[in-house]
Amino acid sequence: MNEIERLFDEVKESQTFNLPDQLHSWQMELLVELRKGTDCLGIFPTGSGKSIVYYLFPLLLDKVGYL
């Protein structure tokens, strides 16, 4: 289990809203590239799961994030 998957599991356990069992491949790809410092642009439809990327990214950096 990598760092992103571990954080996702921690968030799933601590939150009351429903999250899928695992991240989509595009969510993982965005988080991996962002962690590397790569500039990224993800354009996805409403309800596709963008918010979890916004939520997990600051946790990967160990910084505060605002949505």
Protein backbone atom coordinates (compact mmCIF):
# COMPACT_ATOMS: atom_id res chain seq x y z
CA MET A 1 0.00 0.00 0.00
CA ASN A 2 1.49 3.33 -1.01
CA GLU A 3 1.24 6.64 0.84
CA ILE A 4 -1.73 7.87 -1.21
CA GLU A 5 -3.74 4.69 -0.64
CA ARG A 6 -2.93 4.80 3.09
CA LEU A 7 -4.15 8.41 3.38
CA PHE A 8 -7.28 7.57 1.40
CA ASP A 9 -8.06 4.69 3.78
CA GLU A 10 -7.55 6.98 6.80
CA VAL A 11 -9.90 9.58 5.32
CA LYS A 12 -12.51 6.90 4.54
CA GLU A 13 -12.45 5.70 8.15
CA SER A 14 -12.68 9.18 9.65
CA GLN A 15 -15.37 10.70 7.40
CA THR A 16 -19.11 10.19 7.51
CA PHE A 17 -19.73 10.73 3.79
CA ASN A 18 -19.61 7.82 1.36
CA LEU A 19 -16.40 7.23 -0.53
CA PRO A 20 -15.66 4.44 -3.01
CA ASP A 21 -13.57 1.47 -1.91
CA GLN A 22 -10.60 2.73 -3.88
CA LEU A 23 -9.44 5.70 -5.90
CA HIS A 24 -10.04 5.84 -9.65
CA SER A 25 -6.91 5.45 -11.76
CA TRP A 26 -7.10 9.09 -12.88
CA GLN A 27 -7.35 10.28 -9.25
CA MET A 28 -4.24 8.28 -8.36
CA GLU A 29 -2.42 9.56 -11.45
CA LEU A 30 -3.21 13.19 -10.59
CA LEU A 31 -2.10 12.76 -6.97
CA VAL A 32 1.15 11.02 -7.97
CA GLU A 33 2.02 13.76 -10.46
CA LEU A 34 1.07 16.55 -8.06
CA ARG A 35 3.22 14.92 -5.37
CA LYS A 36 6.16 15.02 -7.82
CA GLY A 37 5.57 18.75 -8.28
CA THR A 38 4.21 18.43 -11.80
CA ASP A 39 1.68 21.05 -12.88
CA CYS A 40 -1.58 19.26 -13.66
CA LEU A 41 -4.99 20.08 -15.01
CA GLY A 42 -7.87 17.68 -14.50
CA ILE A 43 -11.19 18.47 -16.14
CA PHE A 44 -13.90 16.02 -15.17
CA PRO A 45 -17.69 16.16 -14.95
CA THR A 46 -19.63 16.99 -11.82
CA GLY A 47 -19.85 14.03 -9.48
CA SER A 48 -16.77 12.27 -10.86
CA GLY A 49 -14.71 12.51 -7.66
CA LYS A 50 -12.56 15.61 -8.02
CA SER A 51 -13.07 16.70 -4.41
CA ILE A 52 -11.15 13.77 -2.94
CA VAL A 53 -8.11 14.91 -4.96
CA TYR A 54 -8.46 18.40 -3.44
CA TYR A 55 -8.85 16.82 -0.01
CA LEU A 56 -5.92 14.38 -0.17
CA PHE A 57 -3.32 16.58 -1.86
CA PRO A 58 -2.67 18.90 1.14
CA LEU A 59 -2.43 15.82 3.37
CA LEU A 60 0.31 14.45 1.12
CA LEU A 61 2.22 17.69 1.55
CA ASP A 62 1.47 17.77 5.29
CA LYS A 63 -0.01 21.25 4.86
CA VAL A 64 -3.39 22.85 5.43
CA GLY A 65 -5.73 22.97 2.47
CA TYR A 66 -8.90 24.95 1.91
CA LEU A 67 -11.75 23.90 -0.33
